[in-house]
Amino acid sequence: MTSSNAPSPTPHGHGEDIYALFVGTIHLAVGLVLLRAAGLATGGVAGVALVLSYATGWPVGLLYALISAPLMAITLRSMSWRFLIKTAVVTLGLFAMTALAPMGIDIARVSDLVAAVVGGSVIGMGALALARHGAATGGSGALVLWLYRTRGWNAGRTQLIIDGTVLLFAASRLDAVRMGWSLLGVAATAGILWVWHRPGRYTGY
């Protein structure tokens, strides 16, 4: 297709943005519930929150919000207020959804394979939905999108580097088997972004 025939960028409506933030946050919450049920970790702020949750017993959503706040502040001058407000809404929504999850979801058993592949993929789809509508999954997500927009860095590759660093931290709390499954979950998340979150693949904004 020539550039003259390429579709023009299409803005999202406010209703579309609100719905995307809601659905994307649901994906993140469900993914975290699956990972926590199996005792696994993931990358980014979510991974740090999960590991600290295992160590302290604190709610993962609360830890997620507390860790995200200072990281979001770092990108304050580089990202728009609209982006930061949307991301803050997602962070608070995730806190609420993970807090309410035990009232509606009771997972007696989940295999490590299912938790890693399904949980990781669901988190990836949630992150993709949020990114398409100008939001991020939290502090690390804001940093990834900032690098994507300002430097053109591949979002999946950048996220994978950050996630690898977080998993080194997780290794202090998880055994080798749990770490192996956690790495698979991280790969599932990054794969979603690597394939579908690239320049020119989507015209909405």
Foldseek 3Di string as FASTA:
>chain_A
DDPVPDDAFDEDDPVLLVVLLVLLLVLLLVLLVLCLQVLAAWFDLLRVLSLVCVVPVDQSLVSSLVVQVVLLVVCVVPADPVQSVSQNVSSVSNSVCNVCVVVPDDDPDDDLQCSQQVSLQSNLVSQVSNVLSRYGNGSVRVVLVSCCVPVVDQSLVSRLVRGVVSLVVSPVPDPPVSSVSRNSSNCNNSVSSNPQVHPPNHRYD
